[in-house]
Amino acid sequence: MIKSVHLPSDITSQMSEKTMIISKNAQQRMFHINTLQNTRMDQQVQTLLQTFEEQREQELSSGDEILNAEQVKLNDTIAQAVKEEANIREETKVRIGNMEAENDLEVQ
C-alpha cells in the first residue's frame, strides 16, 4: 500500500501554477457572467420603468380627456338649467302681469 508520494519541487510548482491559472480563469468567467447578468437586469429594470412611466402618462392623458369631456357636459347642463330657470321666471312674470291686468279690469 502506498502511503506517501513525493514529487520533485519543480513539478509540484508547475502543478500548483496550473491549478492557480485554471482557478483564475474560472473566476474571470464567473465574474464576466455576473457582469453580463447584472447589465441585463439593469436594462430590464430600466425598460420596465420606462414602460411604466409611458403607461402612467397615457392614463393621465386619458383621464384628463375624460375629465374635460365630463366638464363640458356639466357646463352645458348648467347653462340649460339657467336658461330654463330664466324662461320659467319670464313666463311667471307674464302670467302675474296678465292676472294683475285682469284684476284691474274687473275692479273698474
C-alpha atoms as a PDB file:
ATOM      1  CA  MET A   1       0.000   0.000   0.000  1.00  0.00           C
ATOM      2  CA  ILE A   2       1.249   3.494  -0.952  1.00  0.00           C
ATOM      3  CA  LYS A   3       1.113   5.942   1.884  1.00  0.00           C
ATOM      4  CA  SER A   4       3.016   8.925   0.593  1.00  0.00           C
ATOM      5  CA  VAL A   5       4.307  10.191  -2.735  1.00  0.00           C
ATOM      6  CA  HIS A   6       6.855  12.959  -3.060  1.00  0.00           C
ATOM      7  CA  LEU A   7       7.175  14.828  -6.324  1.00  0.00           C
ATOM      8  CA  PRO A   8      10.075  16.980  -7.315  1.00  0.00           C
ATOM      9  CA  SER A   9       9.584  20.636  -6.383  1.00  0.00           C
ATOM     10  CA  ASP A  10       9.569  21.882  -9.999  1.00  0.00           C
ATOM     11  CA  ILE A  11       6.684  19.508 -10.889  1.00  0.00           C
ATOM     12  CA  THR A  12       4.823  20.488  -7.722  1.00  0.00           C
ATOM     13  CA  SER A  13       5.352  24.136  -8.597  1.00  0.00           C
ATOM     14  CA  GLN A  14       4.122  23.617 -12.175  1.00  0.00           C
ATOM     15  CA  MET A  15       1.020  21.752 -10.976  1.00  0.00           C
ATOM     16  CA  SER A  16       0.309  24.461  -8.439  1.00  0.00           C
ATOM     17  CA  GLU A  17       0.675  27.200 -11.065  1.00  0.00           C
ATOM     18  CA  LYS A  18      -1.575  25.296 -13.485  1.00  0.00           C
ATOM     19  CA  THR A  19      -4.213  24.901 -10.781  1.00  0.00           C
ATOM     20  CA  MET A  20      -3.988  28.622  -9.959  1.00  0.00           C
ATOM     21  CA  ILE A  21      -4.360  29.554 -13.640  1.00  0.00           C
ATOM     22  CA  ILE A  22      -7.391  27.287 -14.022  1.00  0.00           C
ATOM     23  CA  SER A  23      -8.918  28.803 -10.877  1.00  0.00           C
ATOM     24  CA  LYS A  24      -8.170  32.353 -12.061  1.00  0.00           C
ATOM     25  CA  ASN A  25      -9.753  31.638 -15.472  1.00  0.00           C
ATOM     26  CA  ALA A  26     -12.832  30.177 -13.813  1.00  0.00           C
ATOM     27  CA  GLN A  27     -13.053  33.230 -11.551  1.00  0.00           C
ATOM     28  CA  GLN A  28     -12.781  35.561 -14.563  1.00  0.00           C
ATOM     29  CA  ARG A  29     -15.503  33.636 -16.427  1.00  0.00           C
ATOM     30  CA  MET A  30     -17.813  33.786 -13.405  1.00  0.00           C
ATOM     31  CA  PHE A  31     -17.099  37.489 -12.943  1.00  0.00           C
ATOM     32  CA  HIS A  32     -17.834  38.114 -16.646  1.00  0.00           C
ATOM     33  CA  ILE A  33     -21.089  36.123 -16.478  1.00  0.00           C
ATOM     34  CA  ASN A  34     -22.083  38.022 -13.337  1.00  0.00           C
ATOM     35  CA  THR A  35     -21.346  41.351 -15.018  1.00  0.00           C
ATOM     36  CA  LEU A  36     -23.446  40.387 -18.049  1.00  0.00           C
ATOM     37  CA  GLN A  37     -26.332  39.250 -15.853  1.00  0.00           C
ATOM     38  CA  ASN A  38     -26.217  42.494 -13.868  1.00  0.00           C
ATOM     39  CA  THR A  39     -26.148  44.524 -17.077  1.00  0.00           C
ATOM     40  CA  ARG A  40     -29.143  42.620 -18.492  1.00  0.00           C
ATOM     41  CA  MET A  41     -31.009  43.004 -15.228  1.00  0.00           C
ATOM     42  CA  ASP A  42     -30.328  46.764 -15.130  1.00  0.00           C
ATOM     43  CA  GLN A  43     -31.546  47.082 -18.719  1.00  0.00           C
ATOM     44  CA  GLN A  44     -34.709  45.147 -17.923  1.00  0.00           C
ATOM     45  CA  VAL A  45     -35.383  47.320 -14.887  1.00  0.00           C
ATOM     46  CA  GLN A  46     -34.878  50.475 -16.971  1.00  0.00           C
ATOM     47  CA  THR A  47     -37.197  49.115 -19.674  1.00  0.00           C
ATOM     48  CA  LEU A  48     -39.869  48.267 -17.105  1.00  0.00           C
ATOM     49  CA  LEU A  49     -39.581  51.701 -15.508  1.00  0.00           C
ATOM     50  CA  GLN A  50     -39.825  53.398 -18.889  1.00  0.00           C
ATOM     51  CA  THR A  51     -42.834  51.267 -19.856  1.00  0.00           C
ATOM     52  CA  PHE A  52     -44.497  52.045 -16.529  1.00  0.00           C
ATOM     53  CA  GLU A  53     -43.874  55.772 -16.979  1.00  0.00           C
ATOM     54  CA  GLU A  54     -45.298  55.705 -20.521  1.00  0.00           C
ATOM     55  CA  GLN A  55     -48.406  53.832 -19.350  1.00  0.00           C
ATOM     56  CA  ARG A  56     -48.802  56.279 -16.471  1.00  0.00           C
ATOM     57  CA  GLU A  57     -48.603  59.243 -18.854  1.00  0.00           C
ATOM     58  CA  GLN A  58     -51.169  57.624 -21.164  1.00  0.00           C
ATOM     59  CA  GLU A  59     -53.535  57.017 -18.259  1.00  0.00           C
ATOM     60  CA  LEU A  60     -53.134  60.586 -17.042  1.00  0.00           C
ATOM     61  CA  SER A  61     -53.766  61.922 -20.533  1.00  0.00           C
ATOM     62  CA  SER A  62     -56.789  59.681 -20.982  1.00  0.00           C
ATOM     63  CA  GLY A  63     -58.118  60.722 -17.567  1.00  0.00           C
ATOM     64  CA  ASP A  64     -57.678  64.402 -18.441  1.00  0.00           C
ATOM     65  CA  GLU A  65     -59.596  63.905 -21.697  1.00  0.00           C
ATOM     66  CA  ILE A  66     -62.447  62.164 -19.883  1.00  0.00           C
ATOM     67  CA  LEU A  67     -62.472  64.871 -17.212  1.00  0.00           C
ATOM     68  CA  ASN A  68     -62.632  67.607 -19.843  1.00  0.00           C
ATOM     69  CA  ALA A  69     -65.473  65.862 -21.689  1.00  0.00           C
ATOM     70  CA  GLU A  70     -67.455  65.490 -18.471  1.00  0.00           C
ATOM     71  CA  GLN A  71     -66.776  69.118 -17.538  1.00  0.00           C
ATOM     72  CA  VAL A  72     -68.157  70.232 -20.920  1.00  0.00           C
ATOM     73  CA  LYS A  73     -71.292  68.120 -20.360  1.00  0.00           C
ATOM     74  CA  LEU A  74     -71.693  69.582 -16.884  1.00  0.00           C
ATOM     75  CA  ASN A  75     -71.270  73.137 -18.154  1.00  0.00           C
ATOM     76  CA  ASP A  76     -73.860  72.510 -20.903  1.00  0.00           C
ATOM     77  CA  THR A  77     -76.320  71.092 -18.377  1.00  0.00           C
ATOM     78  CA  ILE A  78     -75.800  74.068 -16.049  1.00  0.00           C
ATOM     79  CA  ALA A  79     -76.292  76.505 -18.941  1.00  0.00           C
ATOM     80  CA  GLN A  80     -79.518  74.725 -19.946  1.00  0.00           C
ATOM     81  CA  ALA A  81     -80.763  74.815 -16.349  1.00  0.00           C
ATOM     82  CA  VAL A  82     -80.033  78.556 -16.073  1.00  0.00           C
ATOM     83  CA  LYS A  83     -81.826  79.160 -19.394  1.00  0.00           C
ATOM     84  CA  GLU A  84     -84.837  77.130 -18.281  1.00  0.00           C
ATOM     85  CA  GLU A  85     -84.932  78.983 -14.971  1.00  0.00           C
ATOM     86  CA  ALA A  86     -84.899  82.322 -16.824  1.00  0.00           C
ATOM     87  CA  ASN A  87     -87.714  81.120 -19.113  1.00  0.00           C
ATOM     88  CA  ILE A  88     -89.795  79.979 -16.144  1.00  0.00           C
ATOM     89  CA  ARG A  89     -89.258  83.311 -14.363  1.00  0.00           C
ATOM     90  CA  GLU A  90     -90.222  85.211 -17.513  1.00  0.00           C
ATOM     91  CA  GLU A  91     -93.360  83.106 -18.026  1.00  0.00           C
ATOM     92  CA  THR A  92     -94.265  83.608 -14.388  1.00  0.00           C
ATOM     93  CA  LYS A  93     -93.863  87.388 -14.706  1.00  0.00           C
ATOM     94  CA  VAL A  94     -96.062  87.405 -17.821  1.00  0.00           C
ATOM     95  CA  ARG A  95     -98.763  85.347 -16.092  1.00  0.00           C
ATOM     96  CA  ILE A  96     -98.652  87.534 -12.998  1.00  0.00           C
ATOM     97  CA  GLY A  97     -98.856  90.614 -15.236  1.00  0.00           C
ATOM     98  CA  ASN A  98    -101.863  89.152 -17.061  1.00  0.00           C
ATOM     99  CA  MET A  99    -103.556  88.297 -13.756  1.00  0.00           C
ATOM    100  CA  GLU A 100    -102.934  91.786 -12.443  1.00  0.00           C
ATOM    101  CA  ALA A 101    -104.330  93.296 -15.656  1.00  0.00           C
ATOM    102  CA  GLU A 102    -107.433  91.088 -15.441  1.00  0.00           C
ATOM    103  CA  ASN A 103    -107.903  92.062 -11.790  1.00  0.00           C
ATOM    104  CA  ASP A 104    -107.597  95.758 -12.683  1.00  0.00           C
ATOM    105  CA  LEU A 105    -110.251  95.325 -15.381  1.00  0.00           C
ATOM    106  CA  GLU A 106    -112.594  93.523 -13.001  1.00  0.00           C
ATOM    107  CA  VAL A 107    -112.107  96.180 -10.338  1.00  0.00           C
ATOM    108  CA  GLN A 108    -113.109  99.003 -12.748  1.00  0.00           C
END
